[in-house]
Amino acid sequence: MPSRVEKYNVLLTDEALAVMNKLDKPARERVKRRLEKLSMLRPARTLKKHSEVWVLEIGDYRALYLIDLGAKTRTVFFIGDHKEYEKKYSLMFK
């Protein structure tokens, strides 16, 4: 019997929201739809060097988020294309 997936509240930091609002309309809608589903998705993968940071793939875009099990929240703190994601990843681990 498959385990039940719990629902989480999805929060965006001001930085992530600002980036999302700057995307062109089709990209913004694609990201928005995927983030709406994040509340019920099973986390897929973490960063190799930072296991508490989760990665959500959205076509050419990536979202990085943290999970708070106690508060049942998933907080998205980064949204960007793959090139911006690679830059953010390298800056996180200098």
C-alpha atoms as a PDB file:
ATOM      1  CA  MET A   1       0.000   0.000   0.000  1.00  0.00           C
ATOM      2  CA  PRO A   2       1.569   3.350  -1.020  1.00  0.00           C
ATOM      3  CA  SER A   3       2.239   5.786   1.790  1.00  0.00           C
ATOM      4  CA  ARG A   4       0.096   8.872   1.982  1.00  0.00           C
ATOM      5  CA  VAL A   5       1.631  12.137   0.733  1.00  0.00           C
ATOM      6  CA  GLU A   6       1.141  14.957   3.191  1.00  0.00           C
ATOM      7  CA  LYS A   7       0.277  18.440   1.995  1.00  0.00           C
ATOM      8  CA  TYR A   8       2.757  21.256   2.636  1.00  0.00           C
ATOM      9  CA  ASN A   9       2.373  25.010   2.383  1.00  0.00           C
ATOM     10  CA  VAL A  10       4.654  26.427  -0.319  1.00  0.00           C
ATOM     11  CA  LEU A  11       6.268  29.754   0.521  1.00  0.00           C
ATOM     12  CA  LEU A  12       8.477  31.927  -1.678  1.00  0.00           C
ATOM     13  CA  THR A  13      11.140  34.264  -0.390  1.00  0.00           C
ATOM     14  CA  ASP A  14      11.009  37.838  -1.648  1.00  0.00           C
ATOM     15  CA  GLU A  15      14.014  37.086  -3.870  1.00  0.00           C
ATOM     16  CA  ALA A  16      12.372  34.037  -5.476  1.00  0.00           C
ATOM     17  CA  LEU A  17       9.098  35.902  -5.988  1.00  0.00           C
ATOM     18  CA  ALA A  18      10.898  38.859  -7.608  1.00  0.00           C
ATOM     19  CA  VAL A  19      12.683  36.543 -10.045  1.00  0.00           C
ATOM     20  CA  MET A  20       9.473  34.700 -10.883  1.00  0.00           C
ATOM     21  CA  ASN A  21       7.690  37.989 -11.594  1.00  0.00           C
ATOM     22  CA  LYS A  22      10.466  38.978 -14.054  1.00  0.00           C
ATOM     23  CA  LEU A  23      10.064  35.815 -16.157  1.00  0.00           C
ATOM     24  CA  ASP A  24       8.230  36.059 -19.457  1.00  0.00           C
ATOM     25  CA  LYS A  25       4.577  35.034 -19.210  1.00  0.00           C
ATOM     26  CA  PRO A  26       4.872  31.434 -20.541  1.00  0.00           C
ATOM     27  CA  ALA A  27       7.834  30.660 -18.264  1.00  0.00           C
ATOM     28  CA  ARG A  28       6.157  32.321 -15.278  1.00  0.00           C
ATOM     29  CA  GLU A  29       2.976  30.284 -15.800  1.00  0.00           C
ATOM     30  CA  ARG A  30       4.974  27.039 -16.152  1.00  0.00           C
ATOM     31  CA  VAL A  31       6.904  27.767 -12.942  1.00  0.00           C
ATOM     32  CA  LYS A  32       3.717  28.796 -11.127  1.00  0.00           C
ATOM     33  CA  ARG A  33       1.901  25.570 -12.092  1.00  0.00           C
ATOM     34  CA  ARG A  34       4.838  23.444 -10.949  1.00  0.00           C
ATOM     35  CA  LEU A  35       5.150  25.320  -7.649  1.00  0.00           C
ATOM     36  CA  GLU A  36       1.431  24.795  -7.003  1.00  0.00           C
ATOM     37  CA  LYS A  37       2.061  21.048  -7.325  1.00  0.00           C
ATOM     38  CA  LEU A  38       5.065  21.244  -4.984  1.00  0.00           C
ATOM     39  CA  SER A  39       2.718  21.155  -1.996  1.00  0.00           C
ATOM     40  CA  MET A  40       1.933  17.493  -2.734  1.00  0.00           C
ATOM     41  CA  LEU A  41       5.049  16.260  -4.549  1.00  0.00           C
ATOM     42  CA  ARG A  42       7.448  13.837  -2.958  1.00  0.00           C
ATOM     43  CA  PRO A  43      10.864  15.517  -2.805  1.00  0.00           C
ATOM     44  CA  ALA A  44      12.981  14.128  -5.635  1.00  0.00           C
ATOM     45  CA  ARG A  45      16.579  15.129  -5.037  1.00  0.00           C
ATOM     46  CA  THR A  46      18.861  17.235  -2.917  1.00  0.00           C
ATOM     47  CA  LEU A  47      22.048  19.090  -3.685  1.00  0.00           C
ATOM     48  CA  LYS A  48      25.045  16.768  -3.479  1.00  0.00           C
ATOM     49  CA  LYS A  49      26.996  18.981  -1.086  1.00  0.00           C
ATOM     50  CA  HIS A  50      24.042  20.342   0.861  1.00  0.00           C
ATOM     51  CA  SER A  51      21.535  17.580   1.572  1.00  0.00           C
ATOM     52  CA  GLU A  52      18.916  19.785   3.254  1.00  0.00           C
ATOM     53  CA  VAL A  53      18.452  21.848   0.066  1.00  0.00           C
ATOM     54  CA  TRP A  54      16.017  20.279  -2.379  1.00  0.00           C
ATOM     55  CA  VAL A  55      15.909  20.813  -6.151  1.00  0.00           C
ATOM     56  CA  LEU A  56      12.755  21.069  -8.254  1.00  0.00           C
ATOM     57  CA  GLU A  57      13.269  20.830 -12.009  1.00  0.00           C
ATOM     58  CA  ILE A  58      10.889  22.913 -14.118  1.00  0.00           C
ATOM     59  CA  GLY A  59      11.930  22.476 -17.742  1.00  0.00           C
ATOM     60  CA  ASP A  60      15.031  24.657 -18.181  1.00  0.00           C
ATOM     61  CA  TYR A  61      14.461  26.225 -14.752  1.00  0.00           C
ATOM     62  CA  ARG A  62      15.434  25.071 -11.282  1.00  0.00           C
ATOM     63  CA  ALA A  63      13.950  25.963  -7.924  1.00  0.00           C
ATOM     64  CA  LEU A  64      15.827  25.397  -4.682  1.00  0.00           C
ATOM     65  CA  TYR A  65      13.817  24.954  -1.514  1.00  0.00           C
ATOM     66  CA  LEU A  66      13.993  23.930   2.124  1.00  0.00           C
ATOM     67  CA  ILE A  67      11.530  21.666   3.921  1.00  0.00           C
ATOM     68  CA  ASP A  68      10.335  22.310   7.466  1.00  0.00           C
ATOM     69  CA  LEU A  69       8.673  19.080   8.600  1.00  0.00           C
ATOM     70  CA  GLY A  70       7.324  20.565  11.830  1.00  0.00           C
ATOM     71  CA  ALA A  71       5.684  23.566  10.179  1.00  0.00           C
ATOM     72  CA  LYS A  72       4.810  21.536   7.043  1.00  0.00           C
ATOM     73  CA  THR A  73       6.277  24.189   4.753  1.00  0.00           C
ATOM     74  CA  ARG A  74       8.467  24.153   1.696  1.00  0.00           C
ATOM     75  CA  THR A  75      10.239  27.469   1.238  1.00  0.00           C
ATOM     76  CA  VAL A  76      11.506  28.282  -2.251  1.00  0.00           C
ATOM     77  CA  PHE A  77      14.507  30.596  -2.009  1.00  0.00           C
ATOM     78  CA  PHE A  78      15.855  30.423  -5.578  1.00  0.00           C
ATOM     79  CA  ILE A  79      14.331  30.245  -9.067  1.00  0.00           C
ATOM     80  CA  GLY A  80      16.473  30.480 -12.172  1.00  0.00           C
ATOM     81  CA  ASP A  81      17.469  28.888 -15.449  1.00  0.00           C
ATOM     82  CA  HIS A  82      20.096  26.173 -15.476  1.00  0.00           C
ATOM     83  CA  LYS A  83      22.970  28.643 -15.974  1.00  0.00           C
ATOM     84  CA  GLU A  84      21.817  30.766 -13.008  1.00  0.00           C
ATOM     85  CA  TYR A  85      21.351  27.573 -10.987  1.00  0.00           C
ATOM     86  CA  GLU A  86      24.942  26.478 -11.665  1.00  0.00           C
ATOM     87  CA  LYS A  87      26.178  29.938 -10.617  1.00  0.00           C
ATOM     88  CA  LYS A  88      24.110  29.866  -7.402  1.00  0.00           C
ATOM     89  CA  TYR A  89      25.339  26.339  -6.643  1.00  0.00           C
ATOM     90  CA  SER A  90      28.993  27.351  -7.016  1.00  0.00           C
ATOM     91  CA  LEU A  91      28.476  30.441  -4.825  1.00  0.00           C
ATOM     92  CA  MET A  92      26.834  28.363  -2.100  1.00  0.00           C
ATOM     93  CA  PHE A  93      29.916  26.191  -1.758  1.00  0.00           C
ATOM     94  CA  LYS A  94      32.868  28.579  -2.107  1.00  0.00           C
END
